[in-house]
Amino acid sequence: MLDATRYAAPEALDLTRFFDGRTDAWGLFQDRFGTLRRRFTVKIEGGWEGDSFAMDEAFQFDDGAVDHRVWRIHPGEDGRFTASTDDVVGTAAGHRDGPVISLRYLFKLRAAGRTIVTRFDDRMFLIDNDVLLNRAVVTKWGIRIGALTIVFRRLDGPMRPRSAA
Protein backbone atom coordinates (compact mmCIF):
# COMPACT_ATOMS: atom_id res chain seq x y z
CA MET A 1 0.00 0.00 0.00
CA LEU A 2 1.27 3.49 -0.86
CA ASP A 3 2.17 5.83 1.97
CA ALA A 4 0.42 9.06 0.92
CA THR A 5 2.47 11.13 3.37
CA ARG A 6 5.69 10.12 1.57
CA TYR A 7 4.45 11.75 -1.63
CA ALA A 8 3.21 14.97 -0.05
CA ALA A 9 5.80 17.43 -1.35
CA PRO A 10 6.73 20.46 0.73
CA GLU A 11 5.14 23.69 -0.43
CA ALA A 12 8.45 25.27 -1.47
CA LEU A 13 11.59 23.86 -3.04
CA ASP A 14 14.77 25.17 -1.42
CA LEU A 15 17.81 23.92 -3.36
CA THR A 16 20.13 24.52 -0.42
CA ARG A 17 17.98 22.31 1.81
CA PHE A 18 17.42 19.62 -0.81
CA PHE A 19 21.10 19.31 -1.73
CA ASP A 20 22.46 19.63 1.82
CA GLY A 21 24.44 16.40 2.23
CA ARG A 22 24.75 13.59 -0.31
CA THR A 23 22.61 13.13 -3.41
CA ASP A 24 22.72 10.67 -6.31
CA ALA A 25 21.37 11.51 -9.78
CA TRP A 26 20.64 9.74 -13.05
CA GLY A 27 20.25 11.57 -16.31
CA LEU A 28 20.10 11.50 -20.07
CA PHE A 29 20.45 13.85 -23.00
CA GLN A 30 18.15 13.61 -26.03
CA ASP A 31 18.76 15.51 -29.25
CA ARG A 32 16.06 17.70 -30.80
CA PHE A 33 14.53 14.65 -32.49
CA GLY A 34 14.18 12.78 -29.18
CA THR A 35 17.04 10.37 -29.88
CA LEU A 36 18.91 9.29 -26.76
CA ARG A 37 22.50 10.56 -27.13
CA ARG A 38 24.04 10.15 -23.69
CA ARG A 39 23.32 8.76 -20.23
CA PHE A 40 25.09 9.53 -16.97
CA THR A 41 25.10 9.28 -13.19
CA VAL A 42 26.14 12.00 -10.75
CA LYS A 43 27.38 11.91 -7.14
CA ILE A 44 26.74 15.23 -5.37
CA GLU A 45 27.98 16.61 -2.05
CA GLY A 46 26.38 19.85 -0.89
CA GLY A 47 26.95 22.22 2.00
CA TRP A 48 27.39 25.80 3.10
CA GLU A 49 30.73 27.54 2.62
CA GLY A 50 30.37 30.97 4.17
CA ASP A 51 27.48 32.84 2.54
CA SER A 52 27.29 30.56 -0.50
CA PHE A 53 26.08 27.00 -0.91
CA ALA A 54 28.45 24.66 -2.79
CA MET A 55 27.30 21.65 -4.82
CA ASP A 56 30.22 19.43 -5.80
CA GLU A 57 29.16 17.19 -8.71
CA ALA A 58 31.07 14.14 -10.05
CA PHE A 59 29.71 12.84 -13.38
CA GLN A 60 30.19 9.36 -14.89
CA PHE A 61 28.97 9.01 -18.51
CA ASP A 62 27.90 5.83 -20.30
CA ASP A 63 30.87 6.14 -22.70
CA GLY A 64 33.33 6.08 -19.76
CA ALA A 65 33.97 9.85 -19.70
CA VAL A 66 34.00 11.67 -16.38
CA ASP A 67 33.42 15.31 -15.48
CA HIS A 68 33.48 17.43 -12.36
CA ARG A 69 31.68 20.68 -11.56
CA VAL A 70 31.18 22.80 -8.46
CA TRP A 71 28.13 25.07 -8.39
CA ARG A 72 27.99 28.04 -5.99
CA ILE A 73 24.48 29.16 -5.09
CA HIS A 74 23.79 32.60 -3.60
CA PRO A 75 20.25 32.95 -2.18
CA GLY A 76 18.51 36.28 -2.65
CA GLU A 77 15.15 37.84 -1.80
CA ASP A 78 11.67 36.56 -2.67
CA GLY A 79 12.79 33.08 -3.78
CA ARG A 80 15.37 34.44 -6.22
CA PHE A 81 18.97 33.25 -6.35
CA THR A 82 22.06 33.30 -8.52
CA ALA A 83 24.40 30.42 -9.26
CA SER A 84 27.76 30.02 -10.93
CA THR A 85 30.24 27.39 -12.02
CA ASP A 86 33.22 27.37 -14.38
CA ASP A 87 31.11 26.17 -17.34
CA VAL A 88 28.51 28.94 -16.99
CA VAL A 89 29.07 32.18 -18.89
CA GLY A 90 28.37 34.95 -16.36
CA THR A 91 25.81 34.02 -13.73
CA ALA A 92 22.75 31.78 -13.77
CA ALA A 93 19.54 33.45 -12.60
CA GLY A 94 16.93 31.42 -10.78
CA HIS A 95 13.68 31.80 -8.93
CA ARG A 96 11.41 29.57 -6.90
CA ASP A 97 7.65 29.30 -7.36
CA GLY A 98 6.46 26.85 -4.70
CA PRO A 99 7.77 23.35 -5.48
CA VAL A 100 9.20 24.49 -8.86
CA ILE A 101 12.47 26.26 -9.61
CA SER A 102 13.35 27.94 -12.90
CA LEU A 103 16.98 28.53 -13.78
CA ARG A 104 18.37 30.13 -16.97
CA TYR A 105 21.97 30.45 -18.04
CA LEU A 106 24.53 30.28 -20.84
CA PHE A 107 26.60 27.09 -20.64
CA LYS A 108 29.86 26.10 -22.35
CA LEU A 109 28.91 22.66 -23.67
CA ARG A 110 31.67 20.31 -24.81
CA ALA A 111 30.59 18.20 -27.79
CA ALA A 112 32.45 16.47 -30.61
CA GLY A 113 35.83 17.78 -29.44
CA ARG A 114 34.80 21.43 -29.30
CA THR A 115 33.06 23.85 -26.95
CA ILE A 116 29.91 25.73 -27.91
CA VAL A 117 27.97 28.25 -25.84
CA THR A 118 24.38 27.11 -25.39
CA ARG A 119 21.38 28.41 -23.46
CA PHE A 120 19.88 26.21 -20.75
CA ASP A 121 16.33 26.72 -19.50
CA ASP A 122 15.95 24.44 -16.46
CA ARG A 123 12.78 23.55 -14.60
CA MET A 124 13.14 21.59 -11.37
CA PHE A 125 10.12 19.89 -9.81
CA LEU A 126 10.07 18.61 -6.24
CA ILE A 127 8.38 15.21 -6.33
CA ASP A 128 8.69 14.51 -2.59
CA ASN A 129 11.18 15.26 0.20
CA ASP A 130 13.77 12.95 -1.36
CA VAL A 131 13.22 13.17 -5.14
CA LEU A 132 13.69 16.10 -7.53
CA LEU A 133 13.09 16.00 -11.30
CA ASN A 134 15.00 18.39 -13.58
CA ARG A 135 14.10 19.03 -17.21
CA ALA A 136 16.28 21.42 -19.22
CA VAL A 137 15.76 22.61 -22.77
CA VAL A 138 19.06 23.35 -24.54
CA THR A 139 19.15 25.88 -27.39
CA LYS A 140 21.73 27.54 -29.63
CA TRP A 141 20.77 30.77 -31.48
CA GLY A 142 17.16 30.14 -30.40
CA ILE A 143 17.07 26.70 -32.03
CA ARG A 144 16.39 23.71 -29.78
CA ILE A 145 19.32 21.29 -29.91
CA GLY A 146 18.15 18.93 -27.21
CA ALA A 147 16.78 18.27 -23.75
CA LEU A 148 18.32 17.07 -20.54
CA THR A 149 16.39 15.03 -17.95
CA ILE A 150 17.82 14.34 -14.49
CA VAL A 151 16.34 12.61 -11.44
CA PHE A 152 17.95 13.49 -8.09
CA ARG A 153 17.55 11.34 -4.95
CA ARG A 154 18.71 12.49 -1.52
CA LEU A 155 20.79 9.93 0.36
CA ASP A 156 20.84 11.56 3.80
CA GLY A 157 17.15 11.12 4.60
CA PRO A 158 14.49 13.82 4.77
CA MET A 159 15.52 17.42 4.17
CA ARG A 160 17.03 19.01 7.23
CA PRO A 161 16.06 22.50 8.33
CA ARG A 162 18.58 25.16 7.36
CA SER A 163 21.05 25.69 10.18
CA ALA A 164 21.60 29.18 11.54
CA ALA A 165 24.57 30.80 9.84
C-alpha atoms as a PDB file:
ATOM      1  CA  MET A   1       0.000   0.000   0.000  1.00  0.00           C
ATOM      2  CA  LEU A   2       1.274   3.491  -0.857  1.00  0.00           C
ATOM      3  CA  ASP A   3       2.173   5.826   1.972  1.00  0.00           C
ATOM      4  CA  ALA A   4       0.418   9.055   0.921  1.00  0.00           C
ATOM      5  CA  THR A   5       2.475  11.134   3.370  1.00  0.00           C
ATOM      6  CA  ARG A   6       5.695  10.118   1.568  1.00  0.00           C
ATOM      7  CA  TYR A   7       4.447  11.747  -1.626  1.00  0.00           C
ATOM      8  CA  ALA A   8       3.208  14.966  -0.053  1.00  0.00           C
ATOM      9  CA  ALA A   9       5.804  17.433  -1.352  1.00  0.00           C
ATOM     10  CA  PRO A  10       6.728  20.458   0.727  1.00  0.00           C
ATOM     11  CA  GLU A  11       5.141  23.687  -0.433  1.00  0.00           C
ATOM     12  CA  ALA A  12       8.453  25.268  -1.469  1.00  0.00           C
ATOM     13  CA  LEU A  13      11.590  23.858  -3.036  1.00  0.00           C
ATOM     14  CA  ASP A  14      14.770  25.172  -1.417  1.00  0.00           C
ATOM     15  CA  LEU A  15      17.812  23.922  -3.356  1.00  0.00           C
ATOM     16  CA  THR A  16      20.132  24.516  -0.416  1.00  0.00           C
ATOM     17  CA  ARG A  17      17.981  22.314   1.813  1.00  0.00           C
ATOM     18  CA  PHE A  18      17.416  19.625  -0.808  1.00  0.00           C
ATOM     19  CA  PHE A  19      21.103  19.311  -1.735  1.00  0.00           C
ATOM     20  CA  ASP A  20      22.460  19.628   1.820  1.00  0.00           C
ATOM     21  CA  GLY A  21      24.438  16.398   2.232  1.00  0.00           C
ATOM     22  CA  ARG A  22      24.753  13.586  -0.307  1.00  0.00           C
ATOM     23  CA  THR A  23      22.609  13.127  -3.412  1.00  0.00           C
ATOM     24  CA  ASP A  24      22.719  10.668  -6.311  1.00  0.00           C
ATOM     25  CA  ALA A  25      21.372  11.509  -9.776  1.00  0.00           C
ATOM     26  CA  TRP A  26      20.638   9.738 -13.046  1.00  0.00           C
ATOM     27  CA  GLY A  27      20.255  11.571 -16.314  1.00  0.00           C
ATOM     28  CA  LEU A  28      20.103  11.504 -20.068  1.00  0.00           C
ATOM     29  CA  PHE A  29      20.452  13.847 -23.002  1.00  0.00           C
ATOM     30  CA  GLN A  30      18.148  13.613 -26.027  1.00  0.00           C
ATOM     31  CA  ASP A  31      18.756  15.507 -29.254  1.00  0.00           C
ATOM     32  CA  ARG A  32      16.056  17.699 -30.797  1.00  0.00           C
ATOM     33  CA  PHE A  33      14.531  14.645 -32.495  1.00  0.00           C
ATOM     34  CA  GLY A  34      14.177  12.778 -29.177  1.00  0.00           C
ATOM     35  CA  THR A  35      17.040  10.374 -29.882  1.00  0.00           C
ATOM     36  CA  LEU A  36      18.912   9.294 -26.761  1.00  0.00           C
ATOM     37  CA  ARG A  37      22.500  10.556 -27.126  1.00  0.00           C
ATOM     38  CA  ARG A  38      24.040  10.151 -23.690  1.00  0.00           C
ATOM     39  CA  ARG A  39      23.319   8.759 -20.225  1.00  0.00           C
ATOM     40  CA  PHE A  40      25.088   9.534 -16.975  1.00  0.00           C
ATOM     41  CA  THR A  41      25.102   9.280 -13.193  1.00  0.00           C
ATOM     42  CA  VAL A  42      26.138  12.000 -10.747  1.00  0.00           C
ATOM     43  CA  LYS A  43      27.375  11.911  -7.142  1.00  0.00           C
ATOM     44  CA  ILE A  44      26.740  15.231  -5.366  1.00  0.00           C
ATOM     45  CA  GLU A  45      27.983  16.606  -2.047  1.00  0.00           C
ATOM     46  CA  GLY A  46      26.380  19.849  -0.886  1.00  0.00           C
ATOM     47  CA  GLY A  47      26.946  22.216   2.002  1.00  0.00           C
ATOM     48  CA  TRP A  48      27.386  25.804   3.100  1.00  0.00           C
ATOM     49  CA  GLU A  49      30.732  27.539   2.623  1.00  0.00           C
ATOM     50  CA  GLY A  50      30.374  30.970   4.174  1.00  0.00           C
ATOM     51  CA  ASP A  51      27.481  32.838   2.542  1.00  0.00           C
ATOM     52  CA  SER A  52      27.289  30.556  -0.503  1.00  0.00           C
ATOM     53  CA  PHE A  53      26.075  27.001  -0.909  1.00  0.00           C
ATOM     54  CA  ALA A  54      28.446  24.660  -2.791  1.00  0.00           C
ATOM     55  CA  MET A  55      27.298  21.652  -4.822  1.00  0.00           C
ATOM     56  CA  ASP A  56      30.221  19.427  -5.795  1.00  0.00           C
ATOM     57  CA  GLU A  57      29.159  17.187  -8.711  1.00  0.00           C
ATOM     58  CA  ALA A  58      31.069  14.141 -10.049  1.00  0.00           C
ATOM     59  CA  PHE A  59      29.707  12.836 -13.383  1.00  0.00           C
ATOM     60  CA  GLN A  60      30.186   9.358 -14.886  1.00  0.00           C
ATOM     61  CA  PHE A  61      28.969   9.015 -18.505  1.00  0.00           C
ATOM     62  CA  ASP A  62      27.905   5.833 -20.301  1.00  0.00           C
ATOM     63  CA  ASP A  63      30.872   6.145 -22.701  1.00  0.00           C
ATOM     64  CA  GLY A  64      33.332   6.082 -19.759  1.00  0.00           C
ATOM     65  CA  ALA A  65      33.968   9.849 -19.703  1.00  0.00           C
ATOM     66  CA  VAL A  66      33.998  11.670 -16.377  1.00  0.00           C
ATOM     67  CA  ASP A  67      33.423  15.312 -15.481  1.00  0.00           C
ATOM     68  CA  HIS A  68      33.483  17.426 -12.356  1.00  0.00           C
ATOM     69  CA  ARG A  69      31.679  20.676 -11.564  1.00  0.00           C
ATOM     70  CA  VAL A  70      31.178  22.803  -8.458  1.00  0.00           C
ATOM     71  CA  TRP A  71      28.133  25.070  -8.385  1.00  0.00           C
ATOM     72  CA  ARG A  72      27.986  28.043  -5.992  1.00  0.00           C
ATOM     73  CA  ILE A  73      24.476  29.159  -5.092  1.00  0.00           C
ATOM     74  CA  HIS A  74      23.785  32.600  -3.597  1.00  0.00           C
ATOM     75  CA  PRO A  75      20.249  32.948  -2.176  1.00  0.00           C
ATOM     76  CA  GLY A  76      18.507  36.281  -2.652  1.00  0.00           C
ATOM     77  CA  GLU A  77      15.154  37.835  -1.802  1.00  0.00           C
ATOM     78  CA  ASP A  78      11.671  36.559  -2.672  1.00  0.00           C
ATOM     79  CA  GLY A  79      12.791  33.079  -3.784  1.00  0.00           C
ATOM     80  CA  ARG A  80      15.369  34.436  -6.223  1.00  0.00           C
ATOM     81  CA  PHE A  81      18.967  33.248  -6.351  1.00  0.00           C
ATOM     82  CA  THR A  82      22.063  33.300  -8.516  1.00  0.00           C
ATOM     83  CA  ALA A  83      24.399  30.424  -9.262  1.00  0.00           C
ATOM     84  CA  SER A  84      27.760  30.023 -10.932  1.00  0.00           C
ATOM     85  CA  THR A  85      30.243  27.386 -12.015  1.00  0.00           C
ATOM     86  CA  ASP A  86      33.217  27.371 -14.382  1.00  0.00           C
ATOM     87  CA  ASP A  87      31.113  26.172 -17.337  1.00  0.00           C
ATOM     88  CA  VAL A  88      28.511  28.943 -16.991  1.00  0.00           C
ATOM     89  CA  VAL A  89      29.065  32.185 -18.888  1.00  0.00           C
ATOM     90  CA  GLY A  90      28.372  34.954 -16.361  1.00  0.00           C
ATOM     91  CA  THR A  91      25.808  34.021 -13.734  1.00  0.00           C
ATOM     92  CA  ALA A  92      22.754  31.784 -13.765  1.00  0.00           C
ATOM     93  CA  ALA A  93      19.543  33.453 -12.604  1.00  0.00           C
ATOM     94  CA  GLY A  94      16.927  31.420 -10.785  1.00  0.00           C
ATOM     95  CA  HIS A  95      13.681  31.795  -8.932  1.00  0.00           C
ATOM     96  CA  ARG A  96      11.405  29.575  -6.897  1.00  0.00           C
ATOM     97  CA  ASP A  97       7.650  29.302  -7.357  1.00  0.00           C
ATOM     98  CA  GLY A  98       6.459  26.854  -4.700  1.00  0.00           C
ATOM     99  CA  PRO A  99       7.774  23.354  -5.482  1.00  0.00           C
ATOM    100  CA  VAL A 100       9.198  24.491  -8.864  1.00  0.00           C
ATOM    101  CA  ILE A 101      12.471  26.259  -9.612  1.00  0.00           C
ATOM    102  CA  SER A 102      13.347  27.938 -12.904  1.00  0.00           C
ATOM    103  CA  LEU A 103      16.983  28.529 -13.776  1.00  0.00           C
ATOM    104  CA  ARG A 104      18.365  30.132 -16.968  1.00  0.00           C
ATOM    105  CA  TYR A 105      21.972  30.451 -18.040  1.00  0.00           C
ATOM    106  CA  LEU A 106      24.535  30.278 -20.836  1.00  0.00           C
ATOM    107  CA  PHE A 107      26.600  27.093 -20.641  1.00  0.00           C
ATOM    108  CA  LYS A 108      29.860  26.096 -22.348  1.00  0.00           C
ATOM    109  CA  LEU A 109      28.915  22.656 -23.667  1.00  0.00           C
ATOM    110  CA  ARG A 110      31.672  20.314 -24.811  1.00  0.00           C
ATOM    111  CA  ALA A 111      30.592  18.204 -27.785  1.00  0.00           C
ATOM    112  CA  ALA A 112      32.451  16.468 -30.606  1.00  0.00           C
ATOM    113  CA  GLY A 113      35.833  17.778 -29.440  1.00  0.00           C
ATOM    114  CA  ARG A 114      34.804  21.433 -29.301  1.00  0.00           C
ATOM    115  CA  THR A 115      33.062  23.848 -26.954  1.00  0.00           C
ATOM    116  CA  ILE A 116      29.906  25.729 -27.911  1.00  0.00           C
ATOM    117  CA  VAL A 117      27.969  28.246 -25.839  1.00  0.00           C
ATOM    118  CA  THR A 118      24.377  27.110 -25.386  1.00  0.00           C
ATOM    119  CA  ARG A 119      21.379  28.414 -23.460  1.00  0.00           C
ATOM    120  CA  PHE A 120      19.883  26.207 -20.749  1.00  0.00           C
ATOM    121  CA  ASP A 121      16.333  26.719 -19.495  1.00  0.00           C
ATOM    122  CA  ASP A 122      15.954  24.444 -16.462  1.00  0.00           C
ATOM    123  CA  ARG A 123      12.777  23.553 -14.602  1.00  0.00           C
ATOM    124  CA  MET A 124      13.140  21.587 -11.369  1.00  0.00           C
ATOM    125  CA  PHE A 125      10.115  19.890  -9.812  1.00  0.00           C
ATOM    126  CA  LEU A 126      10.070  18.611  -6.238  1.00  0.00           C
ATOM    127  CA  ILE A 127       8.376  15.210  -6.326  1.00  0.00           C
ATOM    128  CA  ASP A 128       8.691  14.513  -2.590  1.00  0.00           C
ATOM    129  CA  ASN A 129      11.180  15.265   0.202  1.00  0.00           C
ATOM    130  CA  ASP A 130      13.771  12.945  -1.362  1.00  0.00           C
ATOM    131  CA  VAL A 131      13.224  13.170  -5.143  1.00  0.00           C
ATOM    132  CA  LEU A 132      13.690  16.097  -7.534  1.00  0.00           C
ATOM    133  CA  LEU A 133      13.094  16.001 -11.303  1.00  0.00           C
ATOM    134  CA  ASN A 134      15.002  18.395 -13.578  1.00  0.00           C
ATOM    135  CA  ARG A 135      14.100  19.034 -17.208  1.00  0.00           C
ATOM    136  CA  ALA A 136      16.282  21.419 -19.219  1.00  0.00           C
ATOM    137  CA  VAL A 137      15.758  22.607 -22.775  1.00  0.00           C
ATOM    138  CA  VAL A 138      19.058  23.353 -24.539  1.00  0.00           C
ATOM    139  CA  THR A 139      19.151  25.876 -27.392  1.00  0.00           C
ATOM    140  CA  LYS A 140      21.725  27.541 -29.635  1.00  0.00           C
ATOM    141  CA  TRP A 141      20.765  30.771 -31.480  1.00  0.00           C
ATOM    142  CA  GLY A 142      17.164  30.143 -30.398  1.00  0.00           C
ATOM    143  CA  ILE A 143      17.066  26.700 -32.030  1.00  0.00           C
ATOM    144  CA  ARG A 144      16.394  23.708 -29.783  1.00  0.00           C
ATOM    145  CA  ILE A 145      19.324  21.295 -29.915  1.00  0.00           C
ATOM    146  CA  GLY A 146      18.150  18.926 -27.210  1.00  0.00           C
ATOM    147  CA  ALA A 147      16.784  18.268 -23.751  1.00  0.00           C
ATOM    148  CA  LEU A 148      18.323  17.067 -20.536  1.00  0.00           C
ATOM    149  CA  THR A 149      16.390  15.035 -17.954  1.00  0.00           C
ATOM    150  CA  ILE A 150      17.821  14.341 -14.490  1.00  0.00           C
ATOM    151  CA  VAL A 151      16.339  12.608 -11.439  1.00  0.00           C
ATOM    152  CA  PHE A 152      17.949  13.487  -8.088  1.00  0.00           C
ATOM    153  CA  ARG A 153      17.553  11.345  -4.947  1.00  0.00           C
ATOM    154  CA  ARG A 154      18.710  12.494  -1.524  1.00  0.00           C
ATOM    155  CA  LEU A 155      20.793   9.927   0.359  1.00  0.00           C
ATOM    156  CA  ASP A 156      20.836  11.561   3.799  1.00  0.00           C
ATOM    157  CA  GLY A 157      17.154  11.121   4.604  1.00  0.00           C
ATOM    158  CA  PRO A 158      14.492  13.824   4.773  1.00  0.00           C
ATOM    159  CA  MET A 159      15.521  17.421   4.173  1.00  0.00           C
ATOM    160  CA  ARG A 160      17.033  19.007   7.233  1.00  0.00           C
ATOM    161  CA  PRO A 161      16.065  22.501   8.333  1.00  0.00           C
ATOM    162  CA  ARG A 162      18.584  25.155   7.364  1.00  0.00           C
ATOM    163  CA  SER A 163      21.054  25.689  10.179  1.00  0.00           C
ATOM    164  CA  ALA A 164      21.605  29.177  11.538  1.00  0.00           C
ATOM    165  CA  ALA A 165      24.571  30.802   9.837  1.00  0.00           C
END
